[in-house]
Amino acid sequence: MNIYGDPADEEWFVGHYKATGQKLNMGKSCVWLKTLDDLPIDLIGEAIARSPGDSYIQIYETAKGIN
């Protein structure tokens, strides 16, 4: 997931997470949950699907100054 490296994806994720009605407890690169039942599995799946491998690599390389 590109949530940490892509501000647009982070904004999308935060907005959609809040729409679940659950409190978002998120650090720079992780989301903390108290129980597995708190996991919004459909949202996590959608966030992963929004981040194809090529996109993730491009964001990583840009952040590292590789390209």
PDB file of N, CA and C in Angstrom:
ATOM      1  N   MET A   1       0.853  -1.175   0.000  1.00  0.00           N
ATOM      2  CA  MET A   1       0.000   0.000   0.000  1.00  0.00           C
ATOM      3  C   MET A   1       0.893   1.231   0.000  1.00  0.00           C
ATOM      4  N   ASN A   2       0.511   2.206  -0.776  1.00  0.00           N
ATOM      5  CA  ASN A   2       1.297   3.431  -0.910  1.00  0.00           C
ATOM      6  C   ASN A   2       0.845   4.536   0.039  1.00  0.00           C
ATOM      7  N   ILE A   3       0.158   4.207   1.070  1.00  0.00           N
ATOM      8  CA  ILE A   3      -0.412   5.230   1.940  1.00  0.00           C
ATOM      9  C   ILE A   3       0.656   6.161   2.501  1.00  0.00           C
ATOM     10  N   TYR A   4       1.789   5.615   2.898  1.00  0.00           N
ATOM     11  CA  TYR A   4       2.846   6.434   3.482  1.00  0.00           C
ATOM     12  C   TYR A   4       3.547   7.281   2.431  1.00  0.00           C
ATOM     13  N   GLY A   5       3.761   6.738   1.256  1.00  0.00           N
ATOM     14  CA  GLY A   5       4.551   7.430   0.243  1.00  0.00           C
ATOM     15  C   GLY A   5       3.765   8.288  -0.717  1.00  0.00           C
ATOM     16  N   ASP A   6       2.453   8.188  -0.717  1.00  0.00           N
ATOM     17  CA  ASP A   6       1.638   8.932  -1.669  1.00  0.00           C
ATOM     18  C   ASP A   6       0.545   9.698  -0.920  1.00  0.00           C
ATOM     19  N   PRO A   7       0.681  11.020  -0.825  1.00  0.00           N
ATOM     20  CA  PRO A   7      -0.304  11.812  -0.075  1.00  0.00           C
ATOM     21  C   PRO A   7      -1.741  11.637  -0.568  1.00  0.00           C
ATOM     22  N   ALA A   8      -1.929  11.455  -1.866  1.00  0.00           N
ATOM     23  CA  ALA A   8      -3.288  11.269  -2.390  1.00  0.00           C
ATOM     24  C   ALA A   8      -3.883   9.956  -1.888  1.00  0.00           C
ATOM     25  N   ASP A   9      -3.086   8.890  -1.865  1.00  0.00           N
ATOM     26  CA  ASP A   9      -3.572   7.610  -1.342  1.00  0.00           C
ATOM     27  C   ASP A   9      -3.827   7.694   0.158  1.00  0.00           C
ATOM     28  N   GLU A  10      -2.983   8.427   0.864  1.00  0.00           N
ATOM     29  CA  GLU A  10      -3.197   8.593   2.307  1.00  0.00           C
ATOM     30  C   GLU A  10      -4.513   9.322   2.566  1.00  0.00           C
ATOM     31  N   GLU A  11      -4.758  10.380   1.820  1.00  0.00           N
ATOM     32  CA  GLU A  11      -6.007  11.143   1.981  1.00  0.00           C
ATOM     33  C   GLU A  11      -7.211  10.253   1.675  1.00  0.00           C
ATOM     34  N   TRP A  12      -7.114   9.470   0.603  1.00  0.00           N
ATOM     35  CA  TRP A  12      -8.196   8.554   0.236  1.00  0.00           C
ATOM     36  C   TRP A  12      -8.447   7.559   1.369  1.00  0.00           C
ATOM     37  N   PHE A  13      -7.370   6.944   1.878  1.00  0.00           N
ATOM     38  CA  PHE A  13      -7.499   5.926   2.915  1.00  0.00           C
ATOM     39  C   PHE A  13      -8.099   6.503   4.192  1.00  0.00           C
ATOM     40  N   VAL A  14      -7.586   7.640   4.631  1.00  0.00           N
ATOM     41  CA  VAL A  14      -8.079   8.259   5.869  1.00  0.00           C
ATOM     42  C   VAL A  14      -9.567   8.578   5.742  1.00  0.00           C
ATOM     43  N   GLY A  15      -9.957   9.150   4.617  1.00  0.00           N
ATOM     44  CA  GLY A  15     -11.370   9.476   4.408  1.00  0.00           C
ATOM     45  C   GLY A  15     -12.263   8.249   4.421  1.00  0.00           C
ATOM     46  N   HIS A  16     -11.834   7.209   3.738  1.00  0.00           N
ATOM     47  CA  HIS A  16     -12.635   5.991   3.684  1.00  0.00           C
ATOM     48  C   HIS A  16     -12.622   5.245   5.022  1.00  0.00           C
ATOM     49  N   TYR A  17     -11.525   5.298   5.738  1.00  0.00           N
ATOM     50  CA  TYR A  17     -11.472   4.646   7.048  1.00  0.00           C
ATOM     51  C   TYR A  17     -12.440   5.332   8.004  1.00  0.00           C
ATOM     52  N   LYS A  18     -12.440   6.654   7.995  1.00  0.00           N
ATOM     53  CA  LYS A  18     -13.355   7.390   8.875  1.00  0.00           C
ATOM     54  C   LYS A  18     -14.806   7.069   8.549  1.00  0.00           C
ATOM     55  N   ALA A  19     -15.094   6.801   7.276  1.00  0.00           N
ATOM     56  CA  ALA A  19     -16.457   6.465   6.865  1.00  0.00           C
ATOM     57  C   ALA A  19     -16.916   5.124   7.435  1.00  0.00           C
ATOM     58  N   THR A  20     -15.983   4.290   7.909  1.00  0.00           N
ATOM     59  CA  THR A  20     -16.363   3.013   8.523  1.00  0.00           C
ATOM     60  C   THR A  20     -16.943   3.227   9.918  1.00  0.00           C
ATOM     61  N   GLY A  21     -16.747   4.423  10.472  1.00  0.00           N
ATOM     62  CA  GLY A  21     -17.225   4.710  11.817  1.00  0.00           C
ATOM     63  C   GLY A  21     -16.255   4.296  12.907  1.00  0.00           C
ATOM     64  N   GLN A  22     -15.128   3.715  12.521  1.00  0.00           N
ATOM     65  CA  GLN A  22     -14.122   3.307  13.492  1.00  0.00           C
ATOM     66  C   GLN A  22     -13.082   4.409  13.652  1.00  0.00           C
ATOM     67  N   LYS A  23     -12.474   4.454  14.831  1.00  0.00           N
ATOM     68  CA  LYS A  23     -11.417   5.425  15.085  1.00  0.00           C
ATOM     69  C   LYS A  23     -10.137   4.950  14.404  1.00  0.00           C
ATOM     70  N   LEU A  24      -9.529   5.832  13.623  1.00  0.00           N
ATOM     71  CA  LEU A  24      -8.286   5.500  12.935  1.00  0.00           C
ATOM     72  C   LEU A  24      -7.106   5.806  13.842  1.00  0.00           C
ATOM     73  N   ASN A  25      -6.290   4.801  14.091  1.00  0.00           N
ATOM     74  CA  ASN A  25      -5.059   4.946  14.865  1.00  0.00           C
ATOM     75  C   ASN A  25      -3.935   4.541  13.923  1.00  0.00           C
ATOM     76  N   MET A  26      -3.308   5.543  13.300  1.00  0.00           N
ATOM     77  CA  MET A  26      -2.348   5.275  12.239  1.00  0.00           C
ATOM     78  C   MET A  26      -1.052   6.010  12.508  1.00  0.00           C
ATOM     79  N   GLY A  27       0.052   5.304  12.325  1.00  0.00           N
ATOM     80  CA  GLY A  27       1.369   5.915  12.399  1.00  0.00           C
ATOM     81  C   GLY A  27       1.837   6.279  11.003  1.00  0.00           C
ATOM     82  N   LYS A  28       3.141   6.417  10.843  1.00  0.00           N
ATOM     83  CA  LYS A  28       3.686   6.756   9.532  1.00  0.00           C
ATOM     84  C   LYS A  28       3.508   5.628   8.527  1.00  0.00           C
ATOM     85  N   SER A  29       3.642   4.393   8.985  1.00  0.00           N
ATOM     86  CA  SER A  29       3.568   3.292   8.022  1.00  0.00           C
ATOM     87  C   SER A  29       2.762   2.097   8.528  1.00  0.00           C
ATOM     88  N   CYS A  30       1.903   2.321   9.518  1.00  0.00           N
ATOM     89  CA  CYS A  30       1.098   1.207  10.007  1.00  0.00           C
ATOM     90  C   CYS A  30      -0.234   1.701  10.562  1.00  0.00           C
ATOM     91  N   VAL A  31      -1.177   0.780  10.623  1.00  0.00           N
ATOM     92  CA  VAL A  31      -2.486   1.039  11.212  1.00  0.00           C
ATOM     93  C   VAL A  31      -2.612   0.089  12.391  1.00  0.00           C
ATOM     94  N   TRP A  32      -2.896   0.629  13.559  1.00  0.00           N
ATOM     95  CA  TRP A  32      -3.017  -0.189  14.764  1.00  0.00           C
ATOM     96  C   TRP A  32      -4.478  -0.520  15.024  1.00  0.00           C
ATOM     97  N   LEU A  33      -4.711  -1.766  15.389  1.00  0.00           N
ATOM     98  CA  LEU A  33      -6.050  -2.244  15.700  1.00  0.00           C
ATOM     99  C   LEU A  33      -6.014  -2.930  17.058  1.00  0.00           C
ATOM    100  N   LYS A  34      -7.107  -2.825  17.806  1.00  0.00           N
ATOM    101  CA  LYS A  34      -7.165  -3.491  19.108  1.00  0.00           C
ATOM    102  C   LYS A  34      -7.522  -4.962  18.955  1.00  0.00           C
ATOM    103  N   THR A  35      -8.407  -5.268  18.022  1.00  0.00           N
ATOM    104  CA  THR A  35      -8.794  -6.656  17.783  1.00  0.00           C
ATOM    105  C   THR A  35      -8.883  -6.893  16.281  1.00  0.00           C
ATOM    106  N   LEU A  36      -8.819  -8.137  15.904  1.00  0.00           N
ATOM    107  CA  LEU A  36      -8.945  -8.488  14.496  1.00  0.00           C
ATOM    108  C   LEU A  36     -10.314  -8.090  13.952  1.00  0.00           C
ATOM    109  N   ASP A  37     -11.322  -8.097  14.817  1.00  0.00           N
ATOM    110  CA  ASP A  37     -12.663  -7.692  14.396  1.00  0.00           C
ATOM    111  C   ASP A  37     -12.719  -6.223  13.983  1.00  0.00           C
ATOM    112  N   ASP A  38     -11.754  -5.430  14.428  1.00  0.00           N
ATOM    113  CA  ASP A  38     -11.702  -4.010  14.064  1.00  0.00           C
ATOM    114  C   ASP A  38     -11.145  -3.785  12.659  1.00  0.00           C
ATOM    115  N   LEU A  39     -10.620  -4.831  12.050  1.00  0.00           N
ATOM    116  CA  LEU A  39      -9.991  -4.709  10.738  1.00  0.00           C
ATOM    117  C   LEU A  39     -11.045  -4.514   9.645  1.00  0.00           C
ATOM    118  N   PRO A  40     -11.026  -3.363   8.956  1.00  0.00           N
ATOM    119  CA  PRO A  40     -11.957  -3.161   7.840  1.00  0.00           C
ATOM    120  C   PRO A  40     -11.385  -3.848   6.589  1.00  0.00           C
ATOM    121  N   ILE A  41     -11.571  -5.163   6.518  1.00  0.00           N
ATOM    122  CA  ILE A  41     -10.902  -5.984   5.514  1.00  0.00           C
ATOM    123  C   ILE A  41     -11.199  -5.532   4.085  1.00  0.00           C
ATOM    124  N   ASP A  42     -12.430  -5.112   3.807  1.00  0.00           N
ATOM    125  CA  ASP A  42     -12.757  -4.657   2.452  1.00  0.00           C
ATOM    126  C   ASP A  42     -11.974  -3.404   2.095  1.00  0.00           C
ATOM    127  N   LEU A  43     -11.845  -2.492   3.036  1.00  0.00           N
ATOM    128  CA  LEU A  43     -11.092  -1.259   2.796  1.00  0.00           C
ATOM    129  C   LEU A  43      -9.609  -1.562   2.605  1.00  0.00           C
ATOM    130  N   ILE A  44      -9.059  -2.434   3.416  1.00  0.00           N
ATOM    131  CA  ILE A  44      -7.649  -2.805   3.275  1.00  0.00           C
ATOM    132  C   ILE A  44      -7.420  -3.449   1.910  1.00  0.00           C
ATOM    133  N   GLY A  45      -8.315  -4.336   1.510  1.00  0.00           N
ATOM    134  CA  GLY A  45      -8.203  -4.969   0.201  1.00  0.00           C
ATOM    135  C   GLY A  45      -8.271  -3.960  -0.928  1.00  0.00           C
ATOM    136  N   GLU A  46      -9.172  -3.002  -0.809  1.00  0.00           N
ATOM    137  CA  GLU A  46      -9.294  -1.960  -1.834  1.00  0.00           C
ATOM    138  C   GLU A  46      -8.034  -1.099  -1.883  1.00  0.00           C
ATOM    139  N   ALA A  47      -7.482  -0.780  -0.726  1.00  0.00           N
ATOM    140  CA  ALA A  47      -6.256   0.030  -0.684  1.00  0.00           C
ATOM    141  C   ALA A  47      -5.093  -0.714  -1.339  1.00  0.00           C
ATOM    142  N   ILE A  48      -4.995  -2.001  -1.091  1.00  0.00           N
ATOM    143  CA  ILE A  48      -3.934  -2.800  -1.712  1.00  0.00           C
ATOM    144  C   ILE A  48      -4.139  -2.862  -3.218  1.00  0.00           C
ATOM    145  N   ALA A  49      -5.371  -3.059  -3.649  1.00  0.00           N
ATOM    146  CA  ALA A  49      -5.666  -3.141  -5.081  1.00  0.00           C
ATOM    147  C   ALA A  49      -5.367  -1.828  -5.799  1.00  0.00           C
ATOM    148  N   ARG A  50      -5.455  -0.705  -5.084  1.00  0.00           N
ATOM    149  CA  ARG A  50      -5.159   0.601  -5.684  1.00  0.00           C
ATOM    150  C   ARG A  50      -3.665   0.810  -5.892  1.00  0.00           C
ATOM    151  N   SER A  51      -2.850  -0.077  -5.377  1.00  0.00           N
ATOM    152  CA  SER A  51      -1.396   0.093  -5.410  1.00  0.00           C
ATOM    153  C   SER A  51      -0.719  -1.035  -6.179  1.00  0.00           C
ATOM    154  N   PRO A  52      -0.786  -1.009  -7.508  1.00  0.00           N
ATOM    155  CA  PRO A  52      -0.079  -2.052  -8.252  1.00  0.00           C
ATOM    156  C   PRO A  52       1.420  -1.977  -7.991  1.00  0.00           C
ATOM    157  N   GLY A  53       2.101  -3.077  -8.174  1.00  0.00           N
ATOM    158  CA  GLY A  53       3.532  -3.150  -7.889  1.00  0.00           C
ATOM    159  C   GLY A  53       4.346  -2.076  -8.575  1.00  0.00           C
ATOM    160  N   ASP A  54       4.069  -1.823  -9.848  1.00  0.00           N
ATOM    161  CA  ASP A  54       4.817  -0.801 -10.588  1.00  0.00           C
ATOM    162  C   ASP A  54       4.663   0.577  -9.952  1.00  0.00           C
ATOM    163  N   SER A  55       3.453   0.875  -9.493  1.00  0.00           N
ATOM    164  CA  SER A  55       3.190   2.161  -8.847  1.00  0.00           C
ATOM    165  C   SER A  55       3.981   2.278  -7.547  1.00  0.00           C
ATOM    166  N   TYR A  56       3.993   1.207  -6.764  1.00  0.00           N
ATOM    167  CA  TYR A  56       4.727   1.211  -5.504  1.00  0.00           C
ATOM    168  C   TYR A  56       6.219   1.419  -5.745  1.00  0.00           C
ATOM    169  N   ILE A  57       6.762   0.725  -6.722  1.00  0.00           N
ATOM    170  CA  ILE A  57       8.190   0.857  -7.037  1.00  0.00           C
ATOM    171  C   ILE A  57       8.514   2.277  -7.471  1.00  0.00           C
ATOM    172  N   GLN A  58       7.659   2.871  -8.284  1.00  0.00           N
ATOM    173  CA  GLN A  58       7.889   4.245  -8.743  1.00  0.00           C
ATOM    174  C   GLN A  58       7.890   5.222  -7.564  1.00  0.00           C
ATOM    175  N   ILE A  59       6.945   5.088  -6.662  1.00  0.00           N
ATOM    176  CA  ILE A  59       6.883   5.969  -5.492  1.00  0.00           C
ATOM    177  C   ILE A  59       8.109   5.756  -4.607  1.00  0.00           C
ATOM    178  N   TYR A  60       8.517   4.509  -4.420  1.00  0.00           N
ATOM    179  CA  TYR A  60       9.702   4.197  -3.621  1.00  0.00           C
ATOM    180  C   TYR A  60      10.951   4.824  -4.237  1.00  0.00           C
ATOM    181  N   GLU A  61      11.130   4.634  -5.540  1.00  0.00           N
ATOM    182  CA  GLU A  61      12.311   5.171  -6.211  1.00  0.00           C
ATOM    183  C   GLU A  61      12.331   6.697  -6.178  1.00  0.00           C
ATOM    184  N   THR A  62      11.181   7.314  -6.328  1.00  0.00           N
ATOM    185  CA  THR A  62      11.109   8.774  -6.249  1.00  0.00           C
ATOM    186  C   THR A  62      11.496   9.249  -4.853  1.00  0.00           C
ATOM    187  N   ALA A  63      10.978   8.569  -3.829  1.00  0.00           N
ATOM    188  CA  ALA A  63      11.293   8.948  -2.450  1.00  0.00           C
ATOM    189  C   ALA A  63      12.782   8.791  -2.148  1.00  0.00           C
ATOM    190  N   LYS A  64      13.410   7.792  -2.737  1.00  0.00           N
ATOM    191  CA  LYS A  64      14.833   7.537  -2.512  1.00  0.00           C
ATOM    192  C   LYS A  64      15.733   8.328  -3.458  1.00  0.00           C
ATOM    193  N   GLY A  65      15.131   9.040  -4.420  1.00  0.00           N
ATOM    194  CA  GLY A  65      15.921   9.813  -5.377  1.00  0.00           C
ATOM    195  C   GLY A  65      16.606   8.948  -6.419  1.00  0.00           C
ATOM    196  N   ILE A  66      16.037   7.787  -6.673  1.00  0.00           N
ATOM    197  CA  ILE A  66      16.631   6.847  -7.624  1.00  0.00           C
ATOM    198  C   ILE A  66      16.315   7.232  -9.064  1.00  0.00           C
ATOM    199  N   ASN A  67      15.165   7.822  -9.310  1.00  0.00           N
ATOM    200  CA  ASN A  67      14.826   8.188 -10.690  1.00  0.00           C
ATOM    201  C   ASN A  67      14.510   9.647 -10.821  1.00  0.00           C
TER     202      ASN A  67
END
